[in-house]
Amino acid sequence: MKNTWKIYLLAFFTFMVSTSEYVIAGILDKIAASNNVSVSAAGQLITVFAIANAVGSPLVVMATTKLNQRKLLMLSLVLMVLGSVMTITLPGFGFLVISRIILALGSGVFAIAAKTAAAKLAPPEKQAGAIGTVILGFSAAIIIGVPIGRLVALVYDWKLIFVGIGVLSLLAIFVIMHTIPATNNGAAVPLGKQLSYLKNPKILMGLGITFFWQLGYGVMYSYIAPFLLTVTAMSGREVSSALFAFGIATLIGSKFGGFMTDRIGNPKTLVGGLVVHCLALILLSTIARSAFVAIPLLMLWSFSAWSSGPGMQYNLIWLAPEASGIMLSLYGSFIQLGIAAAAGIGGIAVKSTSVLAVSWIGAGSVAIAAIIAVVSFSLNSKVVRKSFNEEVL
């Protein structure tokens, strides 16, 4: 496939912009100290980012439907540069909050545009795989970006991270200008029609799968370190090794999910991944009492969870191919809503019961996602068969 290198280029830039989101969790103490606020107050930067990403990104995409894919990517990177400059230069916590909002819009819009562009760069039978490749950028941001950011913050200054992100974003603008084709998004879709997609039961079901999948994943991931330290009795060093293995499995899972979606179809890949995801969470809560058992289960959980991402996004694009950008923006919003819900529900569960509860809540939520997926694909297959019969007759 002649455009493969361009898809990997988009994955690299996705890694860069995603690092701007995930790195904050690893340097909260440094940010809090430099701004004279508590760590819990600094933690609100994560909440602000998630809300801005969930609400703002779809609005920007809706407002820019006349822009081609190249221009939309460049616009999002301009926002990344602006947000990075504000983070570096403007003093005070208030300006930092504003810069996080701008960075959230930039990274959110870029993620949508990159996945849309990757799908259009690939032939129809390999579109899910192309989306899976771009998702590798998100995985790499967690595995590589956060540790590197932490190291930079410890050795130098945390603001240097955003110097790097700003410079790379500026360079990315010129690279994309000369490499990514100016693919049109299609005819501009009126705002009323864009919002009407939320009235489509099939699209709502697709977004429901996304929400409960992310809730089930996020409620466990948010408390993964205390879970491993208490439930599995791992040492601090073993937890570090476990999280590294977890991260490697996310990379493999993302690529495998896209490959299998193209190879055996979305229903089998997505439902199968959700079922394994649910079982892995149950096994983690019941038999993972040592590092020897827990680490393979963590990898199975991570692998199965991330293998579902390409299929869920491909499903939404398949349901509304004329509005692929809008579908991916809604997907991103429901991901962020799932993250917010997971943090809240997980916090309540840990406080009122124990950290063990998060794995059971996660398993239950993923089971709901699997049920919705089965019902959704069943309804879609009936529609396809009905259309086929009508054409034959």
Protein backbone atom coordinates (compact mmCIF):
# COMPACT_ATOMS: atom_id res chain seq x y z
CA MET A 1 0.00 0.00 0.00
CA LYS A 2 1.71 3.16 -1.26
CA ASN A 3 0.26 5.41 1.46
CA THR A 4 1.39 3.24 4.38
CA TRP A 5 4.22 5.62 5.35
CA LYS A 6 1.78 8.54 5.42
CA ILE A 7 -0.49 6.63 7.80
CA TYR A 8 2.47 5.93 10.10
CA LEU A 9 3.41 9.61 9.88
CA LEU A 10 -0.06 10.47 11.15
CA ALA A 11 0.42 7.92 13.95
CA PHE A 12 3.66 9.66 14.99
CA PHE A 13 2.02 13.07 15.07
CA THR A 14 -0.86 11.54 17.04
CA PHE A 15 1.72 10.34 19.57
CA MET A 16 3.02 13.88 19.86
CA VAL A 17 -0.35 15.59 20.41
CA SER A 18 -1.61 12.81 22.70
CA THR A 19 1.43 13.23 24.92
CA SER A 20 0.18 16.75 25.67
CA GLU A 21 -2.88 15.13 27.28
CA TYR A 22 -1.47 12.12 29.10
CA VAL A 23 1.81 13.63 30.34
CA ILE A 24 0.01 15.85 32.87
CA ALA A 25 -0.83 12.86 35.07
CA GLY A 26 2.88 12.07 35.40
CA ILE A 27 3.97 15.60 36.37
CA LEU A 28 1.07 16.82 38.52
CA ASP A 29 3.31 17.29 41.56
CA LYS A 30 5.73 19.47 39.59
CA ILE A 31 2.92 21.59 38.14
CA ALA A 32 1.33 21.99 41.58
CA ALA A 33 4.62 23.07 43.14
CA SER A 34 5.44 25.61 40.42
CA ASN A 35 1.96 27.16 40.62
CA ASN A 36 1.63 27.03 44.42
CA VAL A 37 -1.53 24.91 44.33
CA SER A 38 -2.36 21.50 45.79
CA VAL A 39 -1.97 18.32 43.75
CA SER A 40 -5.74 17.82 43.86
CA ALA A 41 -6.24 21.32 42.43
CA ALA A 42 -3.67 20.63 39.72
CA GLY A 43 -5.57 17.41 38.98
CA GLN A 44 -8.47 19.55 37.76
CA LEU A 45 -6.35 20.26 34.69
CA ILE A 46 -7.13 16.69 33.62
CA THR A 47 -10.86 17.25 34.14
CA VAL A 48 -10.79 20.54 32.24
CA PHE A 49 -8.94 18.90 29.36
CA ALA A 50 -11.41 15.99 29.18
CA ILE A 51 -14.47 18.26 29.18
CA ALA A 52 -13.01 20.64 26.59
CA ASN A 53 -12.04 17.69 24.43
CA ALA A 54 -15.44 16.03 24.74
CA VAL A 55 -17.54 19.14 24.12
CA GLY A 56 -15.26 21.37 22.07
CA SER A 57 -13.76 18.98 19.52
CA PRO A 58 -17.10 18.01 17.90
CA LEU A 59 -18.12 21.69 17.76
CA VAL A 60 -14.88 22.61 15.97
CA VAL A 61 -15.31 19.71 13.54
CA MET A 62 -18.93 20.71 12.89
CA ALA A 63 -17.89 24.32 12.29
CA THR A 64 -15.14 23.35 9.85
CA THR A 65 -16.85 20.79 7.63
CA LYS A 66 -15.93 22.87 4.55
CA LEU A 67 -12.21 22.42 5.28
CA ASN A 68 -10.40 19.55 3.61
CA GLN A 69 -8.48 17.01 5.69
CA ARG A 70 -5.10 18.68 5.20
CA LYS A 71 -6.36 22.10 6.33
CA LEU A 72 -8.16 20.60 9.33
CA LEU A 73 -4.98 18.83 10.43
CA MET A 74 -3.02 22.06 10.04
CA LEU A 75 -5.62 24.06 11.97
CA SER A 76 -5.48 21.60 14.86
CA LEU A 77 -1.68 21.86 14.94
CA VAL A 78 -1.90 25.66 15.02
CA LEU A 79 -4.00 25.27 18.17
CA MET A 80 -1.32 22.93 19.57
CA VAL A 81 1.37 25.56 18.95
CA LEU A 82 -0.76 28.30 20.50
CA GLY A 83 -1.59 26.20 23.56
CA SER A 84 2.06 25.23 24.03
CA VAL A 85 3.24 28.84 23.80
CA MET A 86 0.65 29.89 26.38
CA THR A 87 1.70 27.05 28.71
CA ILE A 88 5.34 28.12 28.51
CA THR A 89 5.02 31.91 28.67
CA LEU A 90 1.92 32.97 30.60
CA PRO A 91 2.20 32.98 34.41
CA GLY A 92 -0.37 31.71 36.89
CA PHE A 93 -2.68 28.73 37.22
CA GLY A 94 -5.60 30.50 35.53
CA PHE A 95 -3.72 30.92 32.26
CA LEU A 96 -2.59 27.29 32.53
CA VAL A 97 -6.24 26.21 32.63
CA ILE A 98 -6.93 28.24 29.48
CA SER A 99 -3.93 26.74 27.72
CA ARG A 100 -5.18 23.24 28.60
CA ILE A 101 -8.51 24.03 26.95
CA ILE A 102 -6.76 25.15 23.74
CA LEU A 103 -4.52 22.09 23.76
CA ALA A 104 -7.58 19.89 24.31
CA LEU A 105 -9.25 21.36 21.24
CA GLY A 106 -6.09 20.98 19.17
CA SER A 107 -5.38 17.39 20.16
CA GLY A 108 -9.03 16.36 19.93
CA VAL A 109 -9.52 17.77 16.45
CA PHE A 110 -6.19 16.33 15.28
CA ALA A 111 -7.15 12.87 16.51
CA ILE A 112 -10.42 13.03 14.59
CA ALA A 113 -8.83 14.39 11.42
CA ALA A 114 -5.88 11.95 11.55
CA LYS A 115 -8.12 8.88 11.81
CA THR A 116 -10.40 10.19 9.06
CA ALA A 117 -7.43 10.96 6.79
CA ALA A 118 -5.84 7.56 7.50
CA ALA A 119 -9.07 5.76 6.58
CA LYS A 120 -9.22 7.68 3.29
CA LEU A 121 -5.56 6.97 2.52
CA ALA A 122 -6.20 3.23 2.82
CA PRO A 123 -8.16 1.00 0.41
CA PRO A 124 -11.67 0.08 1.65
CA GLU A 125 -10.64 -3.40 2.81
CA LYS A 126 -7.87 -1.97 5.02
CA GLN A 127 -9.52 1.08 6.54
CA ALA A 128 -9.94 -0.43 10.00
CA GLY A 129 -6.26 -1.38 9.99
CA ALA A 130 -5.33 2.21 9.08
CA ILE A 131 -7.35 3.52 12.03
CA GLY A 132 -5.65 0.93 14.25
CA THR A 133 -2.25 2.22 13.13
CA VAL A 134 -3.14 5.79 14.10
CA ILE A 135 -4.37 4.53 17.48
CA LEU A 136 -0.82 3.26 18.04
CA GLY A 137 0.04 6.92 18.56
CA PHE A 138 -2.26 7.09 21.59
CA SER A 139 -0.74 3.92 23.01
CA ALA A 140 2.78 5.20 22.47
CA ALA A 141 1.93 8.44 24.29
CA ILE A 142 1.05 6.41 27.39
CA ILE A 143 4.00 4.02 27.13
CA ILE A 144 6.72 6.42 25.97
CA GLY A 145 5.48 9.99 26.24
CA VAL A 146 4.50 9.95 29.91
CA PRO A 147 7.76 8.38 31.22
CA ILE A 148 9.89 10.70 29.07
CA GLY A 149 7.86 13.68 30.25
CA ARG A 150 8.36 12.63 33.86
CA LEU A 151 12.10 12.33 33.32
CA VAL A 152 12.31 15.78 31.69
CA ALA A 153 10.32 17.30 34.57
CA LEU A 154 12.65 15.72 37.13
CA VAL A 155 15.92 16.66 35.43
CA TYR A 156 15.01 20.03 33.90
CA ASP A 157 11.64 21.82 34.02
CA TRP A 158 8.18 20.51 33.18
CA LYS A 159 7.57 23.42 30.79
CA LEU A 160 10.36 22.09 28.56
CA ILE A 161 7.98 19.27 27.59
CA PHE A 162 5.65 21.80 25.99
CA VAL A 163 8.56 23.54 24.27
CA GLY A 164 9.16 20.23 22.52
CA ILE A 165 5.47 19.71 21.72
CA GLY A 166 5.18 23.25 20.36
CA VAL A 167 8.27 22.96 18.13
CA LEU A 168 7.25 19.53 16.82
CA SER A 169 3.71 20.79 16.13
CA LEU A 170 5.13 23.70 14.14
CA LEU A 171 7.29 21.34 12.10
CA ALA A 172 4.32 18.99 11.62
CA ILE A 173 2.32 21.78 10.00
CA PHE A 174 4.89 22.07 7.19
CA VAL A 175 5.28 18.31 6.84
CA ILE A 176 1.53 17.76 6.52
CA MET A 177 1.30 20.63 4.06
CA HIS A 178 3.53 18.70 1.66
CA THR A 179 2.55 15.07 2.34
CA ILE A 180 -1.14 14.67 3.19
CA PRO A 181 -3.56 15.06 0.27
CA ALA A 182 -6.25 17.72 0.46
CA THR A 183 -9.07 15.17 0.65
CA ASN A 184 -12.48 16.77 0.87
CA ASN A 185 -14.84 15.87 3.70
CA GLY A 186 -17.69 15.80 1.23
CA ALA A 187 -20.56 18.23 1.06
CA ALA A 188 -20.94 20.48 4.08
CA VAL A 189 -23.51 19.04 6.47
CA PRO A 190 -25.87 21.55 8.14
CA LEU A 191 -25.60 21.73 11.93
CA GLY A 192 -29.17 20.50 12.40
CA LYS A 193 -28.47 17.39 10.35
CA GLN A 194 -25.20 16.81 12.20
CA LEU A 195 -27.02 16.82 15.53
CA SER A 196 -29.73 14.61 14.07
CA TYR A 197 -27.22 11.75 13.92
CA LEU A 198 -27.67 11.45 17.67
CA LYS A 199 -31.33 10.57 17.03
CA ASN A 200 -30.32 7.53 15.00
CA PRO A 201 -30.75 4.50 17.30
CA LYS A 202 -27.96 2.56 15.59
CA ILE A 203 -25.49 5.39 16.01
CA LEU A 204 -26.57 5.84 19.63
CA MET A 205 -25.99 2.14 20.20
CA GLY A 206 -22.55 2.43 18.64
CA LEU A 207 -21.75 5.33 20.96
CA GLY A 208 -23.23 3.37 23.87
CA ILE A 209 -20.77 0.56 23.17
CA THR A 210 -17.98 3.14 23.25
CA PHE A 211 -19.14 4.69 26.53
CA PHE A 212 -19.54 1.46 28.50
CA TRP A 213 -16.32 0.02 27.03
CA GLN A 214 -14.36 3.09 28.11
CA LEU A 215 -16.10 3.18 31.50
CA GLY A 216 -15.19 -0.46 32.10
CA TYR A 217 -11.62 0.07 31.00
CA GLY A 218 -11.14 3.43 32.71
CA VAL A 219 -12.57 2.53 36.11
CA MET A 220 -9.92 -0.19 36.45
CA TYR A 221 -7.06 1.69 34.79
CA SER A 222 -7.56 4.76 37.00
CA TYR A 223 -6.78 2.64 40.07
CA ILE A 224 -4.44 0.10 38.51
CA ALA A 225 -1.44 0.94 40.71
CA PRO A 226 -3.25 0.63 44.08
CA PHE A 227 -5.06 -2.45 42.75
CA LEU A 228 -1.78 -4.20 41.95
CA LEU A 229 -0.14 -3.15 45.21
CA THR A 230 -3.00 -4.36 47.42
CA VAL A 231 -4.89 -7.11 45.58
CA THR A 232 -1.95 -8.83 43.91
CA ALA A 233 0.60 -7.87 46.61
CA MET A 234 3.14 -6.72 44.03
CA SER A 235 6.17 -4.67 45.04
CA GLY A 236 6.72 -1.21 43.59
CA ARG A 237 9.29 -2.55 41.15
CA GLU A 238 6.95 -5.34 40.04
CA VAL A 239 4.19 -2.76 39.43
CA SER A 240 6.54 -0.82 37.14
CA SER A 241 7.30 -4.00 35.19
CA ALA A 242 3.61 -4.87 35.05
CA LEU A 243 2.68 -1.44 33.68
CA PHE A 244 5.39 -1.68 31.05
CA ALA A 245 4.06 -5.09 29.95
CA PHE A 246 0.55 -3.61 30.00
CA GLY A 247 1.68 -0.82 27.69
CA ILE A 248 3.32 -3.17 25.20
CA ALA A 249 0.08 -5.16 25.03
CA THR A 250 -1.87 -1.99 24.18
CA LEU A 251 0.33 -1.44 21.13
CA ILE A 252 -0.12 -5.03 19.93
CA GLY A 253 -3.86 -4.98 20.68
CA SER A 254 -4.50 -1.80 18.68
CA LYS A 255 -2.81 -3.14 15.58
CA PHE A 256 -4.30 -6.63 15.98
CA GLY A 257 -7.83 -5.23 16.32
CA GLY A 258 -7.59 -3.33 13.06
CA PHE A 259 -6.01 -6.30 11.27
CA MET A 260 -8.69 -8.75 12.44
CA THR A 261 -11.53 -6.35 11.66
CA ASP A 262 -10.32 -6.23 8.07
CA ARG A 263 -9.70 -10.00 8.01
CA ILE A 264 -12.77 -11.59 9.67
CA GLY A 265 -15.18 -8.68 9.98
CA ASN A 266 -16.16 -6.20 12.66
CA PRO A 267 -18.87 -8.14 14.54
CA LYS A 268 -16.68 -11.14 15.41
CA THR A 269 -13.64 -9.00 16.25
CA LEU A 270 -15.45 -6.41 18.37
CA VAL A 271 -17.74 -8.76 20.29
CA GLY A 272 -14.94 -11.27 20.80
CA GLY A 273 -12.63 -8.56 22.12
CA LEU A 274 -15.28 -7.29 24.55
CA VAL A 275 -15.97 -10.79 25.88
CA VAL A 276 -12.26 -11.44 26.49
CA HIS A 277 -11.96 -7.98 28.05
CA CYS A 278 -14.75 -8.83 30.51
CA LEU A 279 -13.29 -12.24 31.36
CA ALA A 280 -9.83 -10.75 31.94
CA LEU A 281 -11.24 -8.28 34.48
CA ILE A 282 -13.09 -11.08 36.30
CA LEU A 283 -9.93 -13.21 36.42
CA LEU A 284 -7.90 -10.25 37.71
CA SER A 285 -10.31 -9.88 40.63
CA THR A 286 -10.48 -13.61 41.45
CA ILE A 287 -7.17 -15.40 40.79
CA ALA A 288 -4.53 -12.66 40.37
CA ARG A 289 -2.80 -12.95 43.73
CA SER A 290 0.81 -12.90 42.51
CA ALA A 291 2.87 -11.11 39.85
CA PHE A 292 3.32 -14.44 38.03
CA VAL A 293 -0.44 -14.67 37.43
CA ALA A 294 -1.34 -10.97 37.36
CA ILE A 295 1.06 -9.78 34.65
CA PRO A 296 -0.18 -12.18 31.92
CA LEU A 297 -3.77 -11.28 32.86
CA LEU A 298 -2.94 -7.58 32.71
CA MET A 299 -1.55 -8.08 29.22
CA LEU A 300 -4.63 -10.04 28.16
CA TRP A 301 -6.86 -7.29 29.55
CA SER A 302 -4.90 -4.53 27.82
CA PHE A 303 -4.63 -6.46 24.55
CA SER A 304 -8.36 -7.22 24.38
CA ALA A 305 -9.41 -3.74 25.50
CA TRP A 306 -7.37 -1.89 22.91
CA SER A 307 -8.22 -4.37 20.15
CA SER A 308 -11.79 -3.01 20.32
CA GLY A 309 -10.89 0.59 19.43
CA PRO A 310 -10.51 0.25 15.65
CA GLY A 311 -13.72 -1.78 15.34
CA MET A 312 -15.83 0.69 17.29
CA GLN A 313 -14.62 3.59 15.17
CA TYR A 314 -14.95 1.67 11.93
CA ASN A 315 -18.50 0.74 12.94
CA LEU A 316 -19.48 4.39 13.37
CA ILE A 317 -17.91 5.34 10.03
CA TRP A 318 -19.76 2.44 8.37
CA LEU A 319 -23.08 3.63 9.84
CA ALA A 320 -22.62 7.17 8.49
CA PRO A 321 -19.87 7.20 5.81
CA GLU A 322 -20.97 10.63 4.60
CA ALA A 323 -20.11 12.10 8.01
CA SER A 324 -17.01 10.17 9.07
CA GLY A 325 -15.43 13.20 10.75
CA ILE A 326 -18.54 13.85 12.81
CA MET A 327 -18.76 10.19 13.82
CA LEU A 328 -15.16 10.14 15.00
CA SER A 329 -15.64 13.41 16.90
CA LEU A 330 -18.66 11.93 18.68
CA TYR A 331 -16.60 8.83 19.40
CA GLY A 332 -13.92 11.00 21.00
CA SER A 333 -16.52 12.82 23.08
CA PHE A 334 -18.01 9.60 24.42
CA ILE A 335 -14.50 8.35 25.23
CA GLN A 336 -13.89 11.46 27.33
CA LEU A 337 -17.32 11.14 28.99
CA GLY A 338 -16.45 7.53 29.82
CA ILE A 339 -13.16 8.66 31.37
CA ALA A 340 -14.95 11.25 33.51
CA ALA A 341 -17.60 8.74 34.62
CA ALA A 342 -14.97 6.08 35.37
CA ALA A 343 -13.00 8.42 37.61
CA GLY A 344 -16.11 9.41 39.55
CA ILE A 345 -17.61 5.95 39.94
CA GLY A 346 -14.23 4.39 40.74
CA GLY A 347 -13.54 6.98 43.42
CA ILE A 348 -16.87 6.34 45.11
CA ALA A 349 -16.39 2.56 44.93
CA VAL A 350 -12.88 2.63 46.38
CA LYS A 351 -13.90 4.97 49.18
CA SER A 352 -17.05 3.07 50.15
CA THR A 353 -15.86 -0.52 49.65
CA SER A 354 -12.36 -1.47 48.48
CA VAL A 355 -10.12 -1.16 45.44
CA LEU A 356 -11.17 -4.70 44.43
CA ALA A 357 -14.58 -3.29 43.49
CA VAL A 358 -13.21 -1.47 40.43
CA SER A 359 -12.50 -4.70 38.55
CA TRP A 360 -16.04 -5.98 39.11
CA ILE A 361 -17.55 -2.64 38.08
CA GLY A 362 -15.32 -2.69 35.01
CA ALA A 363 -16.35 -6.22 34.08
CA GLY A 364 -20.04 -5.34 34.45
CA SER A 365 -19.68 -2.25 32.29
CA VAL A 366 -17.82 -4.10 29.52
CA ALA A 367 -20.47 -6.84 29.64
CA ILE A 368 -23.11 -4.17 28.97
CA ALA A 369 -21.02 -2.93 26.01
CA ALA A 370 -20.84 -6.50 24.64
CA ILE A 371 -24.61 -6.96 24.92
CA ILE A 372 -25.26 -3.67 23.12
CA ALA A 373 -22.80 -4.72 20.40
CA VAL A 374 -24.54 -8.07 19.87
CA VAL A 375 -27.96 -6.39 19.62
CA SER A 376 -26.61 -3.66 17.32
CA PHE A 377 -24.92 -6.04 14.89
CA SER A 378 -28.00 -8.27 14.91
CA LEU A 379 -30.21 -5.34 13.91
CA ASN A 380 -27.74 -4.21 11.24
CA SER A 381 -27.55 -7.69 9.71
CA LYS A 382 -31.35 -7.84 9.49
CA VAL A 383 -31.39 -4.52 7.64
CA VAL A 384 -28.69 -5.74 5.24
CA ARG A 385 -30.59 -8.99 4.57
CA LYS A 386 -33.84 -7.09 4.01
CA SER A 387 -32.17 -4.73 1.53
CA PHE A 388 -30.61 -7.67 -0.30
CA ASN A 389 -33.95 -9.50 -0.55
CA GLU A 390 -35.66 -6.37 -1.86
CA GLU A 391 -32.95 -5.95 -4.52
CA VAL A 392 -33.32 -9.61 -5.59
CA LEU A 393 -37.07 -9.33 -5.81
